[in-house]
Amino acid sequence: MTARHPSIGPWRTRASGAVHALRALRARAASQLFHSRAAAWALLAGLAVACAWSLHAARAAELSVPVPAPALDNPKVAGPLQTAVLSGGCFWGMQAVFEHVKGVERVWAGYSGGQASTAHYEEVSTGTTGHAESVQIIFDPRAITYGEILRVFFSVAHDPTELDRQGPDVGTQYRSEIFYANPGQRRIALAYIAQLQRARVFSAPIVTRVDPLTGFYRAEGYHQDYLVHHPDQPYIVYNDIPKLVSLKRLLPAMYRTRPVLVAANR
């Protein structure tokens, strides 16, 4: 048997200690690197959020116009639920805005102005059906008036000075229009438009049409509550979320944090 060198044992002990120390040092360095990267990502995420909200605020200011309350309006009274049908560009943003308005019970995205047989997204998108992308707003007349619905419509929901378009969407299906259900709604709508025109609230003439409601046809299911299901879609982020920011900023007493969704009412 060969005798073990007396210095081998202590060397292995010292080597083993050095390896453990090296591993600990590497682990500490890796941990510091991880935390520094995590901090960097957290900083970038924070900057991204700040930039996004700055863009929302800037876009909201661009899209919204403070408007006075209507001089002619119905009083708030107890009674059955009432309905308003409005069109003002893509119905995704219109629906999202009114789902955040107090007193509104339900908002459906759909089509108005054409025939039932052509009330389908692909056909309406051709701009040849007479339909406009619209929303049907069911509201409690004890909590909100028809005139107040129109105030939201003119101030933050859309731009009433754009003819047959809204922002990036072009065509008669994106027109600004009020579909009145009775003579009272027609009278309030016409009086309010005249009031806003006289006050020169907008830098260009209001082109909103006021026509009788001949029918409202609900849009396909995938269009309902679209903003809630697709909040990160670029179109929604740029065009529609700023409208919610504007609603909360311009009409805080009318804003509700939790939207009333179609899905919750089915």
C-alpha atoms as a PDB file:
ATOM      1  CA  MET A   1       0.000   0.000   0.000  1.00  0.00           C
ATOM      2  CA  THR A   2       1.316   3.375  -0.940  1.00  0.00           C
ATOM      3  CA  ALA A   3       1.314   5.923   1.826  1.00  0.00           C
ATOM      4  CA  ARG A   4      -0.802   9.037   1.156  1.00  0.00           C
ATOM      5  CA  HIS A   5       1.160  12.255   0.999  1.00  0.00           C
ATOM      6  CA  PRO A   6       0.554  14.116   4.243  1.00  0.00           C
ATOM      7  CA  SER A   7      -0.194  17.382   2.461  1.00  0.00           C
ATOM      8  CA  ILE A   8      -2.987  16.018   0.184  1.00  0.00           C
ATOM      9  CA  GLY A   9      -5.756  16.116   2.820  1.00  0.00           C
ATOM     10  CA  PRO A  10      -5.269  19.752   3.871  1.00  0.00           C
ATOM     11  CA  TRP A  11      -4.902  20.780   0.189  1.00  0.00           C
ATOM     12  CA  ARG A  12      -8.215  19.169  -0.697  1.00  0.00           C
ATOM     13  CA  THR A  13      -9.824  20.880   2.267  1.00  0.00           C
ATOM     14  CA  ARG A  14      -8.448  24.254   1.228  1.00  0.00           C
ATOM     15  CA  ALA A  15      -9.405  23.630  -2.434  1.00  0.00           C
ATOM     16  CA  SER A  16     -12.885  22.602  -1.463  1.00  0.00           C
ATOM     17  CA  GLY A  17     -13.257  25.769   0.618  1.00  0.00           C
ATOM     18  CA  ALA A  18     -12.032  27.877  -2.294  1.00  0.00           C
ATOM     19  CA  VAL A  19     -14.536  26.222  -4.657  1.00  0.00           C
ATOM     20  CA  HIS A  20     -17.390  26.891  -2.242  1.00  0.00           C
ATOM     21  CA  ALA A  21     -16.225  30.486  -1.850  1.00  0.00           C
ATOM     22  CA  LEU A  22     -16.030  30.881  -5.634  1.00  0.00           C
ATOM     23  CA  ARG A  23     -19.498  29.396  -6.062  1.00  0.00           C
ATOM     24  CA  ALA A  24     -20.882  31.737  -3.394  1.00  0.00           C
ATOM     25  CA  LEU A  25     -19.209  34.690  -5.093  1.00  0.00           C
ATOM     26  CA  ARG A  26     -20.667  33.685  -8.466  1.00  0.00           C
ATOM     27  CA  ALA A  27     -24.105  33.185  -6.939  1.00  0.00           C
ATOM     28  CA  ARG A  28     -23.922  36.604  -5.297  1.00  0.00           C
ATOM     29  CA  ALA A  29     -22.797  38.179  -8.558  1.00  0.00           C
ATOM     30  CA  ALA A  30     -25.603  36.428 -10.452  1.00  0.00           C
ATOM     31  CA  SER A  31     -28.095  37.586  -7.865  1.00  0.00           C
ATOM     32  CA  GLN A  32     -26.868  41.163  -8.147  1.00  0.00           C
ATOM     33  CA  LEU A  33     -27.019  40.938 -11.950  1.00  0.00           C
ATOM     34  CA  PHE A  34     -30.547  39.511 -11.766  1.00  0.00           C
ATOM     35  CA  HIS A  35     -31.676  42.252  -9.435  1.00  0.00           C
ATOM     36  CA  SER A  36     -30.001  44.940 -11.526  1.00  0.00           C
ATOM     37  CA  ARG A  37     -31.704  43.573 -14.639  1.00  0.00           C
ATOM     38  CA  ALA A  38     -34.993  43.317 -12.786  1.00  0.00           C
ATOM     39  CA  ALA A  39     -34.578  46.897 -11.625  1.00  0.00           C
ATOM     40  CA  ALA A  40     -33.790  47.970 -15.167  1.00  0.00           C
ATOM     41  CA  TRP A  41     -36.843  46.184 -16.532  1.00  0.00           C
ATOM     42  CA  ALA A  42     -38.973  47.656 -13.760  1.00  0.00           C
ATOM     43  CA  LEU A  43     -37.677  51.106 -14.638  1.00  0.00           C
ATOM     44  CA  LEU A  44     -38.363  50.562 -18.330  1.00  0.00           C
ATOM     45  CA  ALA A  45     -41.845  49.260 -17.524  1.00  0.00           C
ATOM     46  CA  GLY A  46     -42.497  52.282 -15.357  1.00  0.00           C
ATOM     47  CA  LEU A  47     -41.316  54.615 -18.102  1.00  0.00           C
ATOM     48  CA  ALA A  48     -43.490  52.785 -20.625  1.00  0.00           C
ATOM     49  CA  VAL A  49     -46.537  53.144 -18.410  1.00  0.00           C
ATOM     50  CA  ALA A  50     -45.788  56.817 -17.822  1.00  0.00           C
ATOM     51  CA  CYS A  51     -45.335  57.401 -21.552  1.00  0.00           C
ATOM     52  CA  ALA A  52     -48.540  55.498 -22.326  1.00  0.00           C
ATOM     53  CA  TRP A  53     -50.566  57.579 -19.888  1.00  0.00           C
ATOM     54  CA  SER A  54     -48.949  60.762 -21.201  1.00  0.00           C
ATOM     55  CA  LEU A  55     -50.003  59.738 -24.694  1.00  0.00           C
ATOM     56  CA  HIS A  56     -53.496  58.889 -23.409  1.00  0.00           C
ATOM     57  CA  ALA A  57     -53.763  62.295 -21.768  1.00  0.00           C
ATOM     58  CA  ALA A  58     -52.501  64.095 -24.867  1.00  0.00           C
ATOM     59  CA  ARG A  59     -54.779  62.100 -27.141  1.00  0.00           C
ATOM     60  CA  ALA A  60     -57.709  62.631 -24.756  1.00  0.00           C
ATOM     61  CA  ALA A  61     -57.203  66.391 -24.865  1.00  0.00           C
ATOM     62  CA  GLU A  62     -57.077  66.196 -28.650  1.00  0.00           C
ATOM     63  CA  LEU A  63     -60.287  64.174 -28.942  1.00  0.00           C
ATOM     64  CA  SER A  64     -62.464  65.861 -26.318  1.00  0.00           C
ATOM     65  CA  VAL A  65     -64.208  69.225 -26.212  1.00  0.00           C
ATOM     66  CA  PRO A  66     -65.931  70.628 -23.099  1.00  0.00           C
ATOM     67  CA  VAL A  67     -69.552  71.363 -23.952  1.00  0.00           C
ATOM     68  CA  PRO A  68     -72.256  73.021 -21.852  1.00  0.00           C
ATOM     69  CA  ALA A  69     -75.284  71.141 -20.598  1.00  0.00           C
ATOM     70  CA  PRO A  70     -78.308  71.270 -22.909  1.00  0.00           C
ATOM     71  CA  ALA A  71     -80.636  74.204 -22.249  1.00  0.00           C
ATOM     72  CA  LEU A  72     -83.620  72.089 -23.328  1.00  0.00           C
ATOM     73  CA  ASP A  73     -83.914  68.708 -21.673  1.00  0.00           C
ATOM     74  CA  ASN A  74     -86.276  66.342 -19.929  1.00  0.00           C
ATOM     75  CA  PRO A  75     -86.402  66.347 -16.130  1.00  0.00           C
ATOM     76  CA  LYS A  76     -85.195  63.320 -14.226  1.00  0.00           C
ATOM     77  CA  VAL A  77     -88.326  61.362 -13.373  1.00  0.00           C
ATOM     78  CA  ALA A  78     -89.229  57.861 -12.321  1.00  0.00           C
ATOM     79  CA  GLY A  79     -90.459  55.664 -15.114  1.00  0.00           C
ATOM     80  CA  PRO A  80     -89.575  52.785 -17.421  1.00  0.00           C
ATOM     81  CA  LEU A  81     -86.127  52.491 -18.939  1.00  0.00           C
ATOM     82  CA  GLN A  82     -85.560  54.595 -22.050  1.00  0.00           C
ATOM     83  CA  THR A  83     -83.434  54.111 -25.145  1.00  0.00           C
ATOM     84  CA  ALA A  84     -81.109  56.331 -27.156  1.00  0.00           C
ATOM     85  CA  VAL A  85     -79.550  55.245 -30.453  1.00  0.00           C
ATOM     86  CA  LEU A  86     -76.468  57.121 -31.636  1.00  0.00           C
ATOM     87  CA  SER A  87     -73.759  56.658 -34.238  1.00  0.00           C
ATOM     88  CA  GLY A  88     -70.373  58.294 -34.131  1.00  0.00           C
ATOM     89  CA  GLY A  89     -67.651  56.213 -35.712  1.00  0.00           C
ATOM     90  CA  CYS A  90     -66.513  52.757 -34.687  1.00  0.00           C
ATOM     91  CA  PHE A  91     -68.961  51.299 -32.204  1.00  0.00           C
ATOM     92  CA  TRP A  92     -66.203  49.785 -30.051  1.00  0.00           C
ATOM     93  CA  GLY A  93     -65.275  53.143 -28.546  1.00  0.00           C
ATOM     94  CA  MET A  94     -68.858  54.437 -28.438  1.00  0.00           C
ATOM     95  CA  GLN A  95     -69.985  51.397 -26.495  1.00  0.00           C
ATOM     96  CA  ALA A  96     -67.056  51.619 -24.087  1.00  0.00           C
ATOM     97  CA  VAL A  97     -67.738  55.284 -23.304  1.00  0.00           C
ATOM     98  CA  PHE A  98     -71.410  54.835 -22.485  1.00  0.00           C
ATOM     99  CA  GLU A  99     -70.754  51.682 -20.469  1.00  0.00           C
ATOM    100  CA  HIS A 100     -68.895  53.983 -18.073  1.00  0.00           C
ATOM    101  CA  VAL A 101     -71.735  56.510 -17.706  1.00  0.00           C
ATOM    102  CA  LYS A 102     -73.811  56.510 -14.532  1.00  0.00           C
ATOM    103  CA  GLY A 103     -77.495  55.815 -15.094  1.00  0.00           C
ATOM    104  CA  VAL A 104     -76.848  53.669 -18.159  1.00  0.00           C
ATOM    105  CA  GLU A 105     -78.134  50.131 -17.726  1.00  0.00           C
ATOM    106  CA  ARG A 106     -76.869  48.511 -20.916  1.00  0.00           C
ATOM    107  CA  VAL A 107     -75.183  49.404 -24.201  1.00  0.00           C
ATOM    108  CA  TRP A 108     -75.388  47.299 -27.357  1.00  0.00           C
ATOM    109  CA  ALA A 109     -73.157  47.745 -30.395  1.00  0.00           C
ATOM    110  CA  GLY A 110     -75.087  47.413 -33.634  1.00  0.00           C
ATOM    111  CA  TYR A 111     -76.329  48.911 -36.862  1.00  0.00           C
ATOM    112  CA  SER A 112     -78.979  51.524 -37.718  1.00  0.00           C
ATOM    113  CA  GLY A 113     -80.158  53.264 -40.860  1.00  0.00           C
ATOM    114  CA  GLY A 114     -80.487  50.312 -43.212  1.00  0.00           C
ATOM    115  CA  GLN A 115     -82.425  47.103 -43.647  1.00  0.00           C
ATOM    116  CA  ALA A 116     -82.353  44.081 -41.352  1.00  0.00           C
ATOM    117  CA  SER A 117     -81.146  41.896 -44.215  1.00  0.00           C
ATOM    118  CA  THR A 118     -77.893  43.872 -44.545  1.00  0.00           C
ATOM    119  CA  ALA A 119     -77.156  44.361 -40.846  1.00  0.00           C
ATOM    120  CA  HIS A 120     -73.970  42.291 -40.925  1.00  0.00           C
ATOM    121  CA  TYR A 121     -70.483  43.599 -40.321  1.00  0.00           C
ATOM    122  CA  GLU A 122     -68.993  42.557 -43.651  1.00  0.00           C
ATOM    123  CA  GLU A 123     -71.824  44.181 -45.610  1.00  0.00           C
ATOM    124  CA  VAL A 124     -72.022  47.314 -43.453  1.00  0.00           C
ATOM    125  CA  SER A 125     -68.265  47.786 -43.889  1.00  0.00           C
ATOM    126  CA  THR A 126     -68.746  48.291 -47.631  1.00  0.00           C
ATOM    127  CA  GLY A 127     -70.505  51.591 -46.911  1.00  0.00           C
ATOM    128  CA  THR A 128     -73.344  50.753 -49.302  1.00  0.00           C
ATOM    129  CA  THR A 129     -76.072  49.489 -46.953  1.00  0.00           C
ATOM    130  CA  GLY A 130     -77.259  52.779 -45.439  1.00  0.00           C
ATOM    131  CA  HIS A 131     -76.321  51.485 -42.015  1.00  0.00           C
ATOM    132  CA  ALA A 132     -74.113  53.305 -39.541  1.00  0.00           C
ATOM    133  CA  GLU A 133     -72.213  51.551 -36.791  1.00  0.00           C
ATOM    134  CA  SER A 134     -74.321  52.562 -33.794  1.00  0.00           C
ATOM    135  CA  VAL A 135     -74.970  51.974 -30.131  1.00  0.00           C
ATOM    136  CA  GLN A 136     -78.255  51.394 -28.374  1.00  0.00           C
ATOM    137  CA  ILE A 137     -78.100  52.958 -24.919  1.00  0.00           C
ATOM    138  CA  ILE A 138     -80.655  51.794 -22.382  1.00  0.00           C
ATOM    139  CA  PHE A 139     -80.817  54.219 -19.471  1.00  0.00           C
ATOM    140  CA  ASP A 140     -82.730  55.000 -16.294  1.00  0.00           C
ATOM    141  CA  PRO A 141     -84.521  58.376 -16.651  1.00  0.00           C
ATOM    142  CA  ARG A 142     -84.373  58.835 -12.880  1.00  0.00           C
ATOM    143  CA  ALA A 143     -80.563  58.883 -12.987  1.00  0.00           C
ATOM    144  CA  ILE A 144     -79.713  60.468 -16.336  1.00  0.00           C
ATOM    145  CA  THR A 145     -81.571  62.451 -18.989  1.00  0.00           C
ATOM    146  CA  TYR A 146     -81.586  62.172 -22.757  1.00  0.00           C
ATOM    147  CA  GLY A 147     -79.880  65.547 -22.953  1.00  0.00           C
ATOM    148  CA  GLU A 148     -77.086  64.352 -20.675  1.00  0.00           C
ATOM    149  CA  ILE A 149     -76.604  61.327 -22.935  1.00  0.00           C
ATOM    150  CA  LEU A 150     -76.165  63.744 -25.832  1.00  0.00           C
ATOM    151  CA  ARG A 151     -73.705  65.826 -23.827  1.00  0.00           C
ATOM    152  CA  VAL A 152     -71.430  62.782 -23.499  1.00  0.00           C
ATOM    153  CA  PHE A 153     -71.966  62.059 -27.191  1.00  0.00           C
ATOM    154  CA  PHE A 154     -70.839  65.516 -28.302  1.00  0.00           C
ATOM    155  CA  SER A 155     -68.041  66.066 -25.783  1.00  0.00           C
ATOM    156  CA  VAL A 156     -66.051  62.832 -25.615  1.00  0.00           C
ATOM    157  CA  ALA A 157     -67.650  59.989 -27.579  1.00  0.00           C
ATOM    158  CA  HIS A 158     -66.897  61.343 -31.056  1.00  0.00           C
ATOM    159  CA  ASP A 159     -66.137  64.408 -33.178  1.00  0.00           C
ATOM    160  CA  PRO A 160     -69.433  65.803 -34.553  1.00  0.00           C
ATOM    161  CA  THR A 161     -67.634  67.973 -37.113  1.00  0.00           C
ATOM    162  CA  GLU A 162     -66.263  65.079 -39.179  1.00  0.00           C
ATOM    163  CA  LEU A 163     -68.425  64.153 -42.163  1.00  0.00           C
ATOM    164  CA  ASP A 164     -68.814  60.449 -42.946  1.00  0.00           C
ATOM    165  CA  ARG A 165     -65.730  59.515 -40.958  1.00  0.00           C
ATOM    166  CA  GLN A 166     -64.200  59.388 -37.496  1.00  0.00           C
ATOM    167  CA  GLY A 167     -60.444  59.566 -37.169  1.00  0.00           C
ATOM    168  CA  PRO A 168     -58.894  56.745 -39.213  1.00  0.00           C
ATOM    169  CA  ASP A 169     -62.288  55.263 -40.191  1.00  0.00           C
ATOM    170  CA  VAL A 170     -63.765  56.597 -43.418  1.00  0.00           C
ATOM    171  CA  GLY A 171     -67.174  55.907 -44.919  1.00  0.00           C
ATOM    172  CA  THR A 172     -70.862  56.645 -44.395  1.00  0.00           C
ATOM    173  CA  GLN A 173     -71.024  53.780 -41.906  1.00  0.00           C
ATOM    174  CA  TYR A 174     -68.939  55.955 -39.555  1.00  0.00           C
ATOM    175  CA  ARG A 175     -71.132  59.052 -39.819  1.00  0.00           C
ATOM    176  CA  SER A 176     -72.332  61.164 -36.915  1.00  0.00           C
ATOM    177  CA  GLU A 177     -76.054  60.636 -36.413  1.00  0.00           C
ATOM    178  CA  ILE A 178     -78.787  60.767 -33.782  1.00  0.00           C
ATOM    179  CA  PHE A 179     -81.668  58.363 -34.351  1.00  0.00           C
ATOM    180  CA  TYR A 180     -84.612  59.745 -32.404  1.00  0.00           C
ATOM    181  CA  ALA A 181     -87.319  57.423 -31.073  1.00  0.00           C
ATOM    182  CA  ASN A 182     -89.989  60.088 -30.466  1.00  0.00           C
ATOM    183  CA  PRO A 183     -90.693  63.793 -31.072  1.00  0.00           C
ATOM    184  CA  GLY A 184     -89.291  64.717 -27.662  1.00  0.00           C
ATOM    185  CA  GLN A 185     -85.884  63.240 -28.493  1.00  0.00           C
ATOM    186  CA  ARG A 186     -85.899  65.001 -31.862  1.00  0.00           C
ATOM    187  CA  ARG A 187     -86.712  68.360 -30.236  1.00  0.00           C
ATOM    188  CA  ILE A 188     -83.942  68.014 -27.637  1.00  0.00           C
ATOM    189  CA  ALA A 189     -81.365  66.903 -30.228  1.00  0.00           C
ATOM    190  CA  LEU A 190     -82.092  69.748 -32.668  1.00  0.00           C
ATOM    191  CA  ALA A 191     -82.180  72.350 -29.898  1.00  0.00           C
ATOM    192  CA  TYR A 192     -78.870  71.117 -28.476  1.00  0.00           C
ATOM    193  CA  ILE A 193     -77.118  71.201 -31.859  1.00  0.00           C
ATOM    194  CA  ALA A 194     -78.395  74.752 -32.431  1.00  0.00           C
ATOM    195  CA  GLN A 195     -77.206  75.741 -28.940  1.00  0.00           C
ATOM    196  CA  LEU A 196     -73.699  74.367 -29.560  1.00  0.00           C
ATOM    197  CA  GLN A 197     -73.533  76.018 -32.965  1.00  0.00           C
ATOM    198  CA  ARG A 198     -74.518  79.415 -31.569  1.00  0.00           C
ATOM    199  CA  ALA A 199     -71.928  79.100 -28.815  1.00  0.00           C
ATOM    200  CA  ARG A 200     -69.251  78.157 -31.379  1.00  0.00           C
ATOM    201  CA  VAL A 201     -68.141  75.301 -29.162  1.00  0.00           C
ATOM    202  CA  PHE A 202     -66.450  73.589 -32.086  1.00  0.00           C
ATOM    203  CA  SER A 203     -64.063  75.170 -34.570  1.00  0.00           C
ATOM    204  CA  ALA A 204     -66.004  73.684 -37.496  1.00  0.00           C
ATOM    205  CA  PRO A 205     -69.729  73.227 -38.151  1.00  0.00           C
ATOM    206  CA  ILE A 206     -71.546  70.277 -36.588  1.00  0.00           C
ATOM    207  CA  VAL A 207     -72.502  67.752 -39.273  1.00  0.00           C
ATOM    208  CA  THR A 208     -74.496  65.385 -37.046  1.00  0.00           C
ATOM    209  CA  ARG A 209     -77.635  64.116 -38.734  1.00  0.00           C
ATOM    210  CA  VAL A 210     -80.932  63.801 -36.835  1.00  0.00           C
ATOM    211  CA  ASP A 211     -83.198  61.138 -38.289  1.00  0.00           C
ATOM    212  CA  PRO A 212     -86.056  58.909 -37.113  1.00  0.00           C
ATOM    213  CA  LEU A 213     -85.136  55.504 -35.750  1.00  0.00           C
ATOM    214  CA  THR A 214     -86.422  52.808 -38.097  1.00  0.00           C
ATOM    215  CA  GLY A 215     -84.594  49.906 -36.497  1.00  0.00           C
ATOM    216  CA  PHE A 216     -81.591  48.867 -34.475  1.00  0.00           C
ATOM    217  CA  TYR A 217     -79.884  45.555 -35.153  1.00  0.00           C
ATOM    218  CA  ARG A 218     -77.366  44.163 -32.697  1.00  0.00           C
ATOM    219  CA  ALA A 219     -73.887  43.503 -33.971  1.00  0.00           C
ATOM    220  CA  GLU A 220     -72.180  40.152 -33.865  1.00  0.00           C
ATOM    221  CA  GLY A 221     -71.187  38.850 -30.459  1.00  0.00           C
ATOM    222  CA  TYR A 222     -67.466  39.363 -30.965  1.00  0.00           C
ATOM    223  CA  HIS A 223     -68.062  43.123 -31.245  1.00  0.00           C
ATOM    224  CA  GLN A 224     -69.808  43.428 -27.874  1.00  0.00           C
ATOM    225  CA  ASP A 225     -67.703  44.771 -24.964  1.00  0.00           C
ATOM    226  CA  TYR A 226     -64.795  44.831 -27.409  1.00  0.00           C
ATOM    227  CA  LEU A 227     -62.612  47.251 -25.454  1.00  0.00           C
ATOM    228  CA  VAL A 228     -62.904  45.160 -22.292  1.00  0.00           C
ATOM    229  CA  HIS A 229     -61.764  42.041 -24.154  1.00  0.00           C
ATOM    230  CA  HIS A 230     -59.022  43.760 -26.172  1.00  0.00           C
ATOM    231  CA  PRO A 231     -57.645  46.625 -24.057  1.00  0.00           C
ATOM    232  CA  ASP A 232     -54.116  46.295 -25.492  1.00  0.00           C
ATOM    233  CA  GLN A 233     -55.041  46.383 -29.163  1.00  0.00           C
ATOM    234  CA  PRO A 234     -53.247  49.367 -30.745  1.00  0.00           C
ATOM    235  CA  TYR A 235     -56.447  50.759 -32.303  1.00  0.00           C
ATOM    236  CA  ILE A 236     -58.173  50.659 -28.907  1.00  0.00           C
ATOM    237  CA  VAL A 237     -55.186  52.132 -27.073  1.00  0.00           C
ATOM    238  CA  TYR A 238     -54.849  55.066 -29.442  1.00  0.00           C
ATOM    239  CA  ASN A 239     -58.459  55.854 -30.348  1.00  0.00           C
ATOM    240  CA  ASP A 240     -60.742  54.636 -27.572  1.00  0.00           C
ATOM    241  CA  ILE A 241     -59.042  54.511 -24.173  1.00  0.00           C
ATOM    242  CA  PRO A 242     -58.354  58.287 -24.400  1.00  0.00           C
ATOM    243  CA  LYS A 243     -62.128  58.786 -24.622  1.00  0.00           C
ATOM    244  CA  LEU A 244     -62.524  57.127 -21.222  1.00  0.00           C
ATOM    245  CA  VAL A 245     -59.793  59.390 -19.853  1.00  0.00           C
ATOM    246  CA  SER A 246     -61.694  62.388 -21.233  1.00  0.00           C
ATOM    247  CA  LEU A 247     -65.008  61.231 -19.797  1.00  0.00           C
ATOM    248  CA  LYS A 248     -63.525  60.966 -16.329  1.00  0.00           C
ATOM    249  CA  ARG A 249     -61.754  64.324 -16.668  1.00  0.00           C
ATOM    250  CA  LEU A 250     -64.532  66.394 -18.247  1.00  0.00           C
ATOM    251  CA  LEU A 251     -67.609  64.819 -16.670  1.00  0.00           C
ATOM    252  CA  PRO A 252     -66.430  63.251 -13.401  1.00  0.00           C
ATOM    253  CA  ALA A 253     -69.902  63.277 -11.822  1.00  0.00           C
ATOM    254  CA  MET A 254     -71.180  61.102 -14.662  1.00  0.00           C
ATOM    255  CA  TYR A 255     -68.265  58.662 -14.717  1.00  0.00           C
ATOM    256  CA  ARG A 256     -68.535  55.180 -13.273  1.00  0.00           C
ATOM    257  CA  THR A 257     -65.375  53.175 -12.693  1.00  0.00           C
ATOM    258  CA  ARG A 258     -66.851  49.739 -13.351  1.00  0.00           C
ATOM    259  CA  PRO A 259     -68.504  49.471 -16.776  1.00  0.00           C
ATOM    260  CA  VAL A 260     -71.931  47.950 -17.226  1.00  0.00           C
ATOM    261  CA  LEU A 261     -71.268  45.150 -19.698  1.00  0.00           C
ATOM    262  CA  VAL A 262     -73.462  43.321 -22.171  1.00  0.00           C
ATOM    263  CA  ALA A 263     -72.026  40.020 -20.988  1.00  0.00           C
ATOM    264  CA  ALA A 264     -73.156  40.696 -17.411  1.00  0.00           C
ATOM    265  CA  ASN A 265     -76.734  41.353 -18.524  1.00  0.00           C
ATOM    266  CA  ARG A 266     -77.308  38.357 -20.738  1.00  0.00           C
END
